[in-house]
Amino acid sequence: MAISQYPRPILSGIAAIEAIFGSQSTSELKQVRAVIATFDVVWPSDAEFQNAANQFGKLKLSHGIGILDAISASTALTRGYDLATFNVKHFRAISGLTVIKPY
């Protein structure tokens, strides 16, 4: 199958915002935006935000999950996506979520 026939990878809008805000210079921000443009960016729905709030409340103290991680996990779970991250520690506590460490 030709590479153009594969669907574009999906990026959480939350991860896109984190990458943009992590930029340290104008040139780095330009590079980040160029990388983001290679993805289909998905934004959480109201229901996914509500689900994240419930998960965050339950898992913040016991597992250290942050609100942005809870939103990303909720979006992935709701849509049936695997979640690729280097920060697998906080996501292990979320039942039913498949977490993949990219390399």
PDB file of N, CA and C in Angstrom:
ATOM      1  N   MET A   1       0.852  -1.176   0.000  1.00  0.00           N
ATOM      2  CA  MET A   1       0.000   0.000   0.000  1.00  0.00           C
ATOM      3  C   MET A   1       0.898   1.239   0.000  1.00  0.00           C
ATOM      4  N   ALA A   2       0.603   2.186  -0.849  1.00  0.00           N
ATOM      5  CA  ALA A   2       1.373   3.429  -0.908  1.00  0.00           C
ATOM      6  C   ALA A   2       1.174   4.225   0.372  1.00  0.00           C
ATOM      7  N   ILE A   3       2.204   4.948   0.775  1.00  0.00           N
ATOM      8  CA  ILE A   3       2.136   5.695   2.028  1.00  0.00           C
ATOM      9  C   ILE A   3       0.979   6.684   2.036  1.00  0.00           C
ATOM     10  N   SER A   4       0.614   7.244   0.897  1.00  0.00           N
ATOM     11  CA  SER A   4      -0.493   8.201   0.841  1.00  0.00           C
ATOM     12  C   SER A   4      -1.841   7.547   1.141  1.00  0.00           C
ATOM     13  N   GLN A   5      -1.913   6.210   1.115  1.00  0.00           N
ATOM     14  CA  GLN A   5      -3.157   5.504   1.380  1.00  0.00           C
ATOM     15  C   GLN A   5      -3.380   5.254   2.871  1.00  0.00           C
ATOM     16  N   TYR A   6      -2.360   5.452   3.683  1.00  0.00           N
ATOM     17  CA  TYR A   6      -2.500   5.273   5.125  1.00  0.00           C
ATOM     18  C   TYR A   6      -3.156   6.503   5.721  1.00  0.00           C
ATOM     19  N   PRO A   7      -3.989   6.314   6.724  1.00  0.00           N
ATOM     20  CA  PRO A   7      -4.570   7.489   7.377  1.00  0.00           C
ATOM     21  C   PRO A   7      -3.485   8.267   8.133  1.00  0.00           C
ATOM     22  N   ARG A   8      -3.721   9.565   8.257  1.00  0.00           N
ATOM     23  CA  ARG A   8      -2.769  10.372   9.014  1.00  0.00           C
ATOM     24  C   ARG A   8      -2.862   9.998  10.484  1.00  0.00           C
ATOM     25  N   PRO A   9      -1.749  10.068  11.214  1.00  0.00           N
ATOM     26  CA  PRO A   9      -1.813   9.770  12.646  1.00  0.00           C
ATOM     27  C   PRO A   9      -2.642  10.826  13.376  1.00  0.00           C
ATOM     28  N   ILE A  10      -3.169  10.438  14.525  1.00  0.00           N
ATOM     29  CA  ILE A  10      -4.032  11.307  15.320  1.00  0.00           C
ATOM     30  C   ILE A  10      -3.234  11.868  16.491  1.00  0.00           C
ATOM     31  N   LEU A  11      -3.453  13.132  16.773  1.00  0.00           N
ATOM     32  CA  LEU A  11      -2.817  13.812  17.898  1.00  0.00           C
ATOM     33  C   LEU A  11      -3.913  14.471  18.728  1.00  0.00           C
ATOM     34  N   SER A  12      -3.860  14.262  20.022  1.00  0.00           N
ATOM     35  CA  SER A  12      -4.788  14.934  20.918  1.00  0.00           C
ATOM     36  C   SER A  12      -4.544  16.439  20.859  1.00  0.00           C
ATOM     37  N   GLY A  13      -5.624  17.202  20.831  1.00  0.00           N
ATOM     38  CA  GLY A  13      -5.495  18.654  20.888  1.00  0.00           C
ATOM     39  C   GLY A  13      -4.778  19.093  22.150  1.00  0.00           C
ATOM     40  N   ILE A  14      -4.957  18.344  23.228  1.00  0.00           N
ATOM     41  CA  ILE A  14      -4.275  18.650  24.491  1.00  0.00           C
ATOM     42  C   ILE A  14      -2.764  18.498  24.314  1.00  0.00           C
ATOM     43  N   ALA A  15      -2.329  17.435  23.645  1.00  0.00           N
ATOM     44  CA  ALA A  15      -0.893  17.231  23.398  1.00  0.00           C
ATOM     45  C   ALA A  15      -0.349  18.323  22.480  1.00  0.00           C
ATOM     46  N   ALA A  16      -1.158  18.759  21.517  1.00  0.00           N
ATOM     47  CA  ALA A  16      -0.729  19.841  20.629  1.00  0.00           C
ATOM     48  C   ALA A  16      -0.506  21.126  21.422  1.00  0.00           C
ATOM     49  N   ILE A  17      -1.428  21.447  22.319  1.00  0.00           N
ATOM     50  CA  ILE A  17      -1.282  22.638  23.151  1.00  0.00           C
ATOM     51  C   ILE A  17      -0.043  22.526  24.035  1.00  0.00           C
ATOM     52  N   GLU A  18       0.176  21.349  24.638  1.00  0.00           N
ATOM     53  CA  GLU A  18       1.358  21.157  25.477  1.00  0.00           C
ATOM     54  C   GLU A  18       2.644  21.389  24.685  1.00  0.00           C
ATOM     55  N   ALA A  19       2.693  20.890  23.459  1.00  0.00           N
ATOM     56  CA  ALA A  19       3.888  21.073  22.618  1.00  0.00           C
ATOM     57  C   ALA A  19       4.093  22.541  22.263  1.00  0.00           C
ATOM     58  N   ILE A  20       3.027  23.227  21.929  1.00  0.00           N
ATOM     59  CA  ILE A  20       3.121  24.654  21.592  1.00  0.00           C
ATOM     60  C   ILE A  20       3.624  25.449  22.797  1.00  0.00           C
ATOM     61  N   PHE A  21       3.056  25.197  23.966  1.00  0.00           N
ATOM     62  CA  PHE A  21       3.456  25.940  25.157  1.00  0.00           C
ATOM     63  C   PHE A  21       4.834  25.543  25.669  1.00  0.00           C
ATOM     64  N   GLY A  22       5.330  24.404  25.219  1.00  0.00           N
ATOM     65  CA  GLY A  22       6.679  23.989  25.595  1.00  0.00           C
ATOM     66  C   GLY A  22       7.759  24.606  24.718  1.00  0.00           C
ATOM     67  N   SER A  23       7.352  25.267  23.662  1.00  0.00           N
ATOM     68  CA  SER A  23       8.323  25.883  22.746  1.00  0.00           C
ATOM     69  C   SER A  23       9.078  26.995  23.464  1.00  0.00           C
ATOM     70  N   GLN A  24      10.390  27.058  23.208  1.00  0.00           N
ATOM     71  CA  GLN A  24      11.251  28.024  23.893  1.00  0.00           C
ATOM     72  C   GLN A  24      11.697  29.177  23.007  1.00  0.00           C
ATOM     73  N   SER A  25      11.365  29.133  21.728  1.00  0.00           N
ATOM     74  CA  SER A  25      11.776  30.199  20.811  1.00  0.00           C
ATOM     75  C   SER A  25      10.822  30.220  19.621  1.00  0.00           C
ATOM     76  N   THR A  26      10.924  31.283  18.858  1.00  0.00           N
ATOM     77  CA  THR A  26      10.096  31.407  17.659  1.00  0.00           C
ATOM     78  C   THR A  26      10.393  30.292  16.663  1.00  0.00           C
ATOM     79  N   SER A  27      11.670  29.972  16.501  1.00  0.00           N
ATOM     80  CA  SER A  27      12.023  28.912  15.544  1.00  0.00           C
ATOM     81  C   SER A  27      11.527  27.546  16.031  1.00  0.00           C
ATOM     82  N   GLU A  28      11.621  27.304  17.321  1.00  0.00           N
ATOM     83  CA  GLU A  28      11.114  26.039  17.863  1.00  0.00           C
ATOM     84  C   GLU A  28       9.595  25.969  17.718  1.00  0.00           C
ATOM     85  N   LEU A  29       8.904  27.068  17.961  1.00  0.00           N
ATOM     86  CA  LEU A  29       7.452  27.096  17.791  1.00  0.00           C
ATOM     87  C   LEU A  29       7.073  26.808  16.344  1.00  0.00           C
ATOM     88  N   LYS A  30       7.828  27.336  15.409  1.00  0.00           N
ATOM     89  CA  LYS A  30       7.571  27.076  13.988  1.00  0.00           C
ATOM     90  C   LYS A  30       7.746  25.589  13.681  1.00  0.00           C
ATOM     91  N   GLN A  31       8.784  24.975  14.238  1.00  0.00           N
ATOM     92  CA  GLN A  31       9.016  23.546  14.031  1.00  0.00           C
ATOM     93  C   GLN A  31       7.885  22.722  14.641  1.00  0.00           C
ATOM     94  N   VAL A  32       7.467  23.077  15.833  1.00  0.00           N
ATOM     95  CA  VAL A  32       6.384  22.355  16.507  1.00  0.00           C
ATOM     96  C   VAL A  32       5.106  22.433  15.685  1.00  0.00           C
ATOM     97  N   ARG A  33       4.778  23.617  15.209  1.00  0.00           N
ATOM     98  CA  ARG A  33       3.567  23.779  14.394  1.00  0.00           C
ATOM     99  C   ARG A  33       3.646  22.960  13.106  1.00  0.00           C
ATOM    100  N   ALA A  34       4.841  22.867  12.532  1.00  0.00           N
ATOM    101  CA  ALA A  34       5.022  22.067  11.314  1.00  0.00           C
ATOM    102  C   ALA A  34       4.786  20.585  11.606  1.00  0.00           C
ATOM    103  N   VAL A  35       5.268  20.108  12.737  1.00  0.00           N
ATOM    104  CA  VAL A  35       5.049  18.709  13.103  1.00  0.00           C
ATOM    105  C   VAL A  35       3.571  18.466  13.377  1.00  0.00           C
ATOM    106  N   ILE A  36       2.933  19.351  14.119  1.00  0.00           N
ATOM    107  CA  ILE A  36       1.505  19.209  14.425  1.00  0.00           C
ATOM    108  C   ILE A  36       0.683  19.137  13.144  1.00  0.00           C
ATOM    109  N   ALA A  37       1.082  19.878  12.134  1.00  0.00           N
ATOM    110  CA  ALA A  37       0.352  19.905  10.859  1.00  0.00           C
ATOM    111  C   ALA A  37       0.355  18.554  10.146  1.00  0.00           C
ATOM    112  N   THR A  38       1.240  17.638  10.541  1.00  0.00           N
ATOM    113  CA  THR A  38       1.290  16.310   9.920  1.00  0.00           C
ATOM    114  C   THR A  38       0.278  15.340  10.542  1.00  0.00           C
ATOM    115  N   PHE A  39      -0.432  15.786  11.573  1.00  0.00           N
ATOM    116  CA  PHE A  39      -1.401  14.962  12.297  1.00  0.00           C
ATOM    117  C   PHE A  39      -2.822  15.459  12.042  1.00  0.00           C
ATOM    118  N   ASP A  40      -3.772  14.559  12.260  1.00  0.00           N
ATOM    119  CA  ASP A  40      -5.168  14.964  12.414  1.00  0.00           C
ATOM    120  C   ASP A  40      -5.341  15.234  13.907  1.00  0.00           C
ATOM    121  N   VAL A  41      -5.632  16.469  14.275  1.00  0.00           N
ATOM    122  CA  VAL A  41      -5.779  16.849  15.675  1.00  0.00           C
ATOM    123  C   VAL A  41      -7.231  16.646  16.083  1.00  0.00           C
ATOM    124  N   VAL A  42      -7.446  15.914  17.185  1.00  0.00           N
ATOM    125  CA  VAL A  42      -8.792  15.681  17.707  1.00  0.00           C
ATOM    126  C   VAL A  42      -8.945  16.414  19.036  1.00  0.00           C
ATOM    127  N   TRP A  43     -10.101  17.038  19.199  1.00  0.00           N
ATOM    128  CA  TRP A  43     -10.387  17.820  20.402  1.00  0.00           C
ATOM    129  C   TRP A  43     -11.417  17.093  21.253  1.00  0.00           C
ATOM    130  N   PRO A  44     -11.252  17.128  22.569  1.00  0.00           N
ATOM    131  CA  PRO A  44     -12.192  16.433  23.457  1.00  0.00           C
ATOM    132  C   PRO A  44     -13.598  17.022  23.370  1.00  0.00           C
ATOM    133  N   SER A  45     -14.573  16.139  23.511  1.00  0.00           N
ATOM    134  CA  SER A  45     -15.979  16.556  23.559  1.00  0.00           C
ATOM    135  C   SER A  45     -16.338  16.935  24.995  1.00  0.00           C
ATOM    136  N   ASP A  46     -17.516  17.507  25.170  1.00  0.00           N
ATOM    137  CA  ASP A  46     -17.985  17.839  26.522  1.00  0.00           C
ATOM    138  C   ASP A  46     -18.017  16.590  27.407  1.00  0.00           C
ATOM    139  N   ALA A  47     -18.518  15.494  26.845  1.00  0.00           N
ATOM    140  CA  ALA A  47     -18.602  14.251  27.615  1.00  0.00           C
ATOM    141  C   ALA A  47     -17.216  13.745  28.008  1.00  0.00           C
ATOM    142  N   GLU A  48     -16.255  13.904  27.110  1.00  0.00           N
ATOM    143  CA  GLU A  48     -14.880  13.466  27.416  1.00  0.00           C
ATOM    144  C   GLU A  48     -14.260  14.330  28.507  1.00  0.00           C
ATOM    145  N   PHE A  49     -14.572  15.629  28.507  1.00  0.00           N
ATOM    146  CA  PHE A  49     -14.108  16.495  29.597  1.00  0.00           C
ATOM    147  C   PHE A  49     -14.735  16.077  30.923  1.00  0.00           C
ATOM    148  N   GLN A  50     -16.024  15.775  30.907  1.00  0.00           N
ATOM    149  CA  GLN A  50     -16.710  15.350  32.132  1.00  0.00           C
ATOM    150  C   GLN A  50     -16.134  14.042  32.653  1.00  0.00           C
ATOM    151  N   ASN A  51     -15.883  13.096  31.750  1.00  0.00           N
ATOM    152  CA  ASN A  51     -15.286  11.822  32.130  1.00  0.00           C
ATOM    153  C   ASN A  51     -13.894  12.048  32.719  1.00  0.00           C
ATOM    154  N   ALA A  52     -13.134  12.957  32.124  1.00  0.00           N
ATOM    155  CA  ALA A  52     -11.793  13.267  32.634  1.00  0.00           C
ATOM    156  C   ALA A  52     -11.867  13.840  34.042  1.00  0.00           C
ATOM    157  N   ALA A  53     -12.842  14.687  34.295  1.00  0.00           N
ATOM    158  CA  ALA A  53     -12.997  15.265  35.631  1.00  0.00           C
ATOM    159  C   ALA A  53     -13.260  14.173  36.656  1.00  0.00           C
ATOM    160  N   ASN A  54     -14.078  13.199  36.294  1.00  0.00           N
ATOM    161  CA  ASN A  54     -14.349  12.084  37.205  1.00  0.00           C
ATOM    162  C   ASN A  54     -13.093  11.261  37.449  1.00  0.00           C
ATOM    163  N   GLN A  55     -12.341  10.963  36.383  1.00  0.00           N
ATOM    164  CA  GLN A  55     -11.108  10.185  36.526  1.00  0.00           C
ATOM    165  C   GLN A  55     -10.059  10.968  37.308  1.00  0.00           C
ATOM    166  N   PHE A  56      -9.960  12.248  37.031  1.00  0.00           N
ATOM    167  CA  PHE A  56      -8.971  13.080  37.707  1.00  0.00           C
ATOM    168  C   PHE A  56      -9.236  13.103  39.202  1.00  0.00           C
ATOM    169  N   GLY A  57     -10.492  13.266  39.570  1.00  0.00           N
ATOM    170  CA  GLY A  57     -10.840  13.290  40.990  1.00  0.00           C
ATOM    171  C   GLY A  57     -10.477  12.008  41.704  1.00  0.00           C
ATOM    172  N   LYS A  58     -10.644  10.897  41.034  1.00  0.00           N
ATOM    173  CA  LYS A  58     -10.369   9.597  41.655  1.00  0.00           C
ATOM    174  C   LYS A  58      -8.881   9.245  41.660  1.00  0.00           C
ATOM    175  N   LEU A  59      -8.148   9.689  40.657  1.00  0.00           N
ATOM    176  CA  LEU A  59      -6.776   9.207  40.468  1.00  0.00           C
ATOM    177  C   LEU A  59      -5.671  10.221  40.791  1.00  0.00           C
ATOM    178  N   LYS A  60      -6.039  11.451  41.043  1.00  0.00           N
ATOM    179  CA  LYS A  60      -5.031  12.477  41.331  1.00  0.00           C
ATOM    180  C   LYS A  60      -4.191  12.100  42.545  1.00  0.00           C
ATOM    181  N   LEU A  61      -4.822  11.837  43.644  1.00  0.00           N
ATOM    182  CA  LEU A  61      -4.082  11.555  44.874  1.00  0.00           C
ATOM    183  C   LEU A  61      -3.452  10.169  44.876  1.00  0.00           C
ATOM    184  N   SER A  62      -4.165   9.186  44.337  1.00  0.00           N
ATOM    185  CA  SER A  62      -3.650   7.817  44.407  1.00  0.00           C
ATOM    186  C   SER A  62      -2.573   7.520  43.371  1.00  0.00           C
ATOM    187  N   HIS A  63      -2.637   8.171  42.187  1.00  0.00           N
ATOM    188  CA  HIS A  63      -1.703   7.818  41.118  1.00  0.00           C
ATOM    189  C   HIS A  63      -0.983   9.016  40.497  1.00  0.00           C
ATOM    190  N   GLY A  64      -1.306  10.217  40.933  1.00  0.00           N
ATOM    191  CA  GLY A  64      -0.607  11.396  40.447  1.00  0.00           C
ATOM    192  C   GLY A  64      -0.985  11.858  39.059  1.00  0.00           C
ATOM    193  N   ILE A  65      -2.113  11.381  38.539  1.00  0.00           N
ATOM    194  CA  ILE A  65      -2.500  11.792  37.189  1.00  0.00           C
ATOM    195  C   ILE A  65      -2.892  13.267  37.198  1.00  0.00           C
ATOM    196  N   GLY A  66      -2.438  13.990  36.179  1.00  0.00           N
ATOM    197  CA  GLY A  66      -2.773  15.397  36.030  1.00  0.00           C
ATOM    198  C   GLY A  66      -3.998  15.573  35.157  1.00  0.00           C
ATOM    199  N   ILE A  67      -4.548  16.766  35.191  1.00  0.00           N
ATOM    200  CA  ILE A  67      -5.786  17.017  34.456  1.00  0.00           C
ATOM    201  C   ILE A  67      -5.600  16.863  32.949  1.00  0.00           C
ATOM    202  N   LEU A  68      -4.473  17.302  32.408  1.00  0.00           N
ATOM    203  CA  LEU A  68      -4.269  17.170  30.961  1.00  0.00           C
ATOM    204  C   LEU A  68      -4.130  15.706  30.560  1.00  0.00           C
ATOM    205  N   ASP A  69      -3.455  14.913  31.377  1.00  0.00           N
ATOM    206  CA  ASP A  69      -3.357  13.475  31.100  1.00  0.00           C
ATOM    207  C   ASP A  69      -4.733  12.817  31.197  1.00  0.00           C
ATOM    208  N   ALA A  70      -5.534  13.233  32.166  1.00  0.00           N
ATOM    209  CA  ALA A  70      -6.878  12.665  32.318  1.00  0.00           C
ATOM    210  C   ALA A  70      -7.744  12.983  31.099  1.00  0.00           C
ATOM    211  N   ILE A  71      -7.614  14.195  30.564  1.00  0.00           N
ATOM    212  CA  ILE A  71      -8.391  14.564  29.378  1.00  0.00           C
ATOM    213  C   ILE A  71      -7.944  13.745  28.168  1.00  0.00           C
ATOM    214  N   SER A  72      -6.636  13.603  27.986  1.00  0.00           N
ATOM    215  CA  SER A  72      -6.125  12.809  26.858  1.00  0.00           C
ATOM    216  C   SER A  72      -6.563  11.357  26.972  1.00  0.00           C
ATOM    217  N   ALA A  73      -6.499  10.803  28.174  1.00  0.00           N
ATOM    218  CA  ALA A  73      -6.913   9.412  28.390  1.00  0.00           C
ATOM    219  C   ALA A  73      -8.399   9.238  28.132  1.00  0.00           C
ATOM    220  N   SER A  74      -9.202  10.176  28.600  1.00  0.00           N
ATOM    221  CA  SER A  74     -10.638  10.102  28.393  1.00  0.00           C
ATOM    222  C   SER A  74     -10.985  10.128  26.905  1.00  0.00           C
ATOM    223  N   THR A  75     -10.307  10.999  26.166  1.00  0.00           N
ATOM    224  CA  THR A  75     -10.545  11.092  24.725  1.00  0.00           C
ATOM    225  C   THR A  75     -10.180   9.784  24.031  1.00  0.00           C
ATOM    226  N   ALA A  76      -9.025   9.219  24.380  1.00  0.00           N
ATOM    227  CA  ALA A  76      -8.587   7.959  23.767  1.00  0.00           C
ATOM    228  C   ALA A  76      -9.557   6.825  24.107  1.00  0.00           C
ATOM    229  N   LEU A  77      -9.949   6.725  25.368  1.00  0.00           N
ATOM    230  CA  LEU A  77     -10.865   5.657  25.784  1.00  0.00           C
ATOM    231  C   LEU A  77     -12.207   5.750  25.062  1.00  0.00           C
ATOM    232  N   THR A  78     -12.770   6.928  25.052  1.00  0.00           N
ATOM    233  CA  THR A  78     -14.085   7.125  24.446  1.00  0.00           C
ATOM    234  C   THR A  78     -14.091   6.758  22.972  1.00  0.00           C
ATOM    235  N   ARG A  79     -13.003   7.066  22.287  1.00  0.00           N
ATOM    236  CA  ARG A  79     -12.941   6.859  20.836  1.00  0.00           C
ATOM    237  C   ARG A  79     -12.318   5.523  20.442  1.00  0.00           C
ATOM    238  N   GLY A  80     -11.877   4.767  21.446  1.00  0.00           N
ATOM    239  CA  GLY A  80     -11.283   3.465  21.153  1.00  0.00           C
ATOM    240  C   GLY A  80      -9.868   3.542  20.607  1.00  0.00           C
ATOM    241  N   TYR A  81      -9.153   4.611  20.927  1.00  0.00           N
ATOM    242  CA  TYR A  81      -7.774   4.782  20.466  1.00  0.00           C
ATOM    243  C   TYR A  81      -6.796   4.230  21.501  1.00  0.00           C
ATOM    244  N   ASP A  82      -5.662   3.753  21.033  1.00  0.00           N
ATOM    245  CA  ASP A  82      -4.536   3.492  21.918  1.00  0.00           C
ATOM    246  C   ASP A  82      -3.882   4.839  22.191  1.00  0.00           C
ATOM    247  N   LEU A  83      -3.216   4.963  23.336  1.00  0.00           N
ATOM    248  CA  LEU A  83      -2.561   6.209  23.685  1.00  0.00           C
ATOM    249  C   LEU A  83      -1.057   5.981  23.689  1.00  0.00           C
ATOM    250  N   ALA A  84      -0.349   6.687  22.828  1.00  0.00           N
ATOM    251  CA  ALA A  84       1.105   6.569  22.751  1.00  0.00           C
ATOM    252  C   ALA A  84       1.734   7.683  23.570  1.00  0.00           C
ATOM    253  N   THR A  85       2.597   7.321  24.507  1.00  0.00           N
ATOM    254  CA  THR A  85       3.240   8.289  25.391  1.00  0.00           C
ATOM    255  C   THR A  85       4.505   7.689  25.986  1.00  0.00           C
ATOM    256  N   PHE A  86       5.426   8.577  26.371  1.00  0.00           N
ATOM    257  CA  PHE A  86       6.603   8.132  27.115  1.00  0.00           C
ATOM    258  C   PHE A  86       6.309   8.143  28.610  1.00  0.00           C
ATOM    259  N   ASN A  87       5.227   8.783  29.013  1.00  0.00           N
ATOM    260  CA  ASN A  87       4.841   8.898  30.414  1.00  0.00           C
ATOM    261  C   ASN A  87       3.774   7.856  30.736  1.00  0.00           C
ATOM    262  N   VAL A  88       4.173   6.598  30.776  1.00  0.00           N
ATOM    263  CA  VAL A  88       3.192   5.535  30.993  1.00  0.00           C
ATOM    264  C   VAL A  88       2.741   5.430  32.449  1.00  0.00           C
ATOM    265  N   LYS A  89       3.528   5.938  33.373  1.00  0.00           N
ATOM    266  CA  LYS A  89       3.252   5.784  34.803  1.00  0.00           C
ATOM    267  C   LYS A  89       1.844   6.231  35.192  1.00  0.00           C
ATOM    268  N   HIS A  90       1.469   7.435  34.815  1.00  0.00           N
ATOM    269  CA  HIS A  90       0.177   7.971  35.236  1.00  0.00           C
ATOM    270  C   HIS A  90      -0.996   7.293  34.549  1.00  0.00           C
ATOM    271  N   PHE A  91      -0.778   6.748  33.372  1.00  0.00           N
ATOM    272  CA  PHE A  91      -1.875   6.169  32.602  1.00  0.00           C
ATOM    273  C   PHE A  91      -2.174   4.721  32.986  1.00  0.00           C
ATOM    274  N   ARG A  92      -1.266   4.056  33.659  1.00  0.00           N
ATOM    275  CA  ARG A  92      -1.476   2.641  34.033  1.00  0.00           C
ATOM    276  C   ARG A  92      -2.721   2.440  34.884  1.00  0.00           C
ATOM    277  N   ALA A  93      -3.106   3.459  35.624  1.00  0.00           N
ATOM    278  CA  ALA A  93      -4.232   3.339  36.551  1.00  0.00           C
ATOM    279  C   ALA A  93      -5.591   3.402  35.864  1.00  0.00           C
ATOM    280  N   ILE A  94      -5.614   3.720  34.592  1.00  0.00           N
ATOM    281  CA  ILE A  94      -6.895   3.903  33.904  1.00  0.00           C
ATOM    282  C   ILE A  94      -7.305   2.595  33.244  1.00  0.00           C
ATOM    283  N   SER A  95      -8.331   2.011  33.789  1.00  0.00           N
ATOM    284  CA  SER A  95      -8.825   0.713  33.318  1.00  0.00           C
ATOM    285  C   SER A  95      -9.332   0.815  31.881  1.00  0.00           C
ATOM    286  N   GLY A  96      -8.922  -0.153  31.063  1.00  0.00           N
ATOM    287  CA  GLY A  96      -9.381  -0.240  29.687  1.00  0.00           C
ATOM    288  C   GLY A  96      -8.583   0.561  28.685  1.00  0.00           C
ATOM    289  N   LEU A  97      -7.642   1.370  29.161  1.00  0.00           N
ATOM    290  CA  LEU A  97      -6.832   2.179  28.263  1.00  0.00           C
ATOM    291  C   LEU A  97      -5.576   1.406  27.850  1.00  0.00           C
ATOM    292  N   THR A  98      -5.352   1.313  26.544  1.00  0.00           N
ATOM    293  CA  THR A  98      -4.141   0.693  26.046  1.00  0.00           C
ATOM    294  C   THR A  98      -3.086   1.783  25.846  1.00  0.00           C
ATOM    295  N   VAL A  99      -1.979   1.652  26.566  1.00  0.00           N
ATOM    296  CA  VAL A  99      -0.900   2.636  26.506  1.00  0.00           C
ATOM    297  C   VAL A  99       0.289   2.015  25.806  1.00  0.00           C
ATOM    298  N   ILE A 100       0.824   2.738  24.843  1.00  0.00           N
ATOM    299  CA  ILE A 100       1.959   2.272  24.060  1.00  0.00           C
ATOM    300  C   ILE A 100       3.102   3.252  24.234  1.00  0.00           C
ATOM    301  N   LYS A 101       4.273   2.733  24.609  1.00  0.00           N
ATOM    302  CA  LYS A 101       5.472   3.567  24.659  1.00  0.00           C
ATOM    303  C   LYS A 101       6.087   3.502  23.256  1.00  0.00           C
ATOM    304  N   PRO A 102       6.156   4.666  22.563  1.00  0.00           N
ATOM    305  CA  PRO A 102       6.555   4.652  21.143  1.00  0.00           C
ATOM    306  C   PRO A 102       7.868   3.943  20.847  1.00  0.00           C
ATOM    307  N   TYR A 103       8.874   4.084  21.675  1.00  0.00           N
ATOM    308  CA  TYR A 103      10.154   3.385  21.512  1.00  0.00           C
ATOM    309  C   TYR A 103      10.936   3.460  22.775  1.00  0.00           C
TER     310      TYR A 103
END
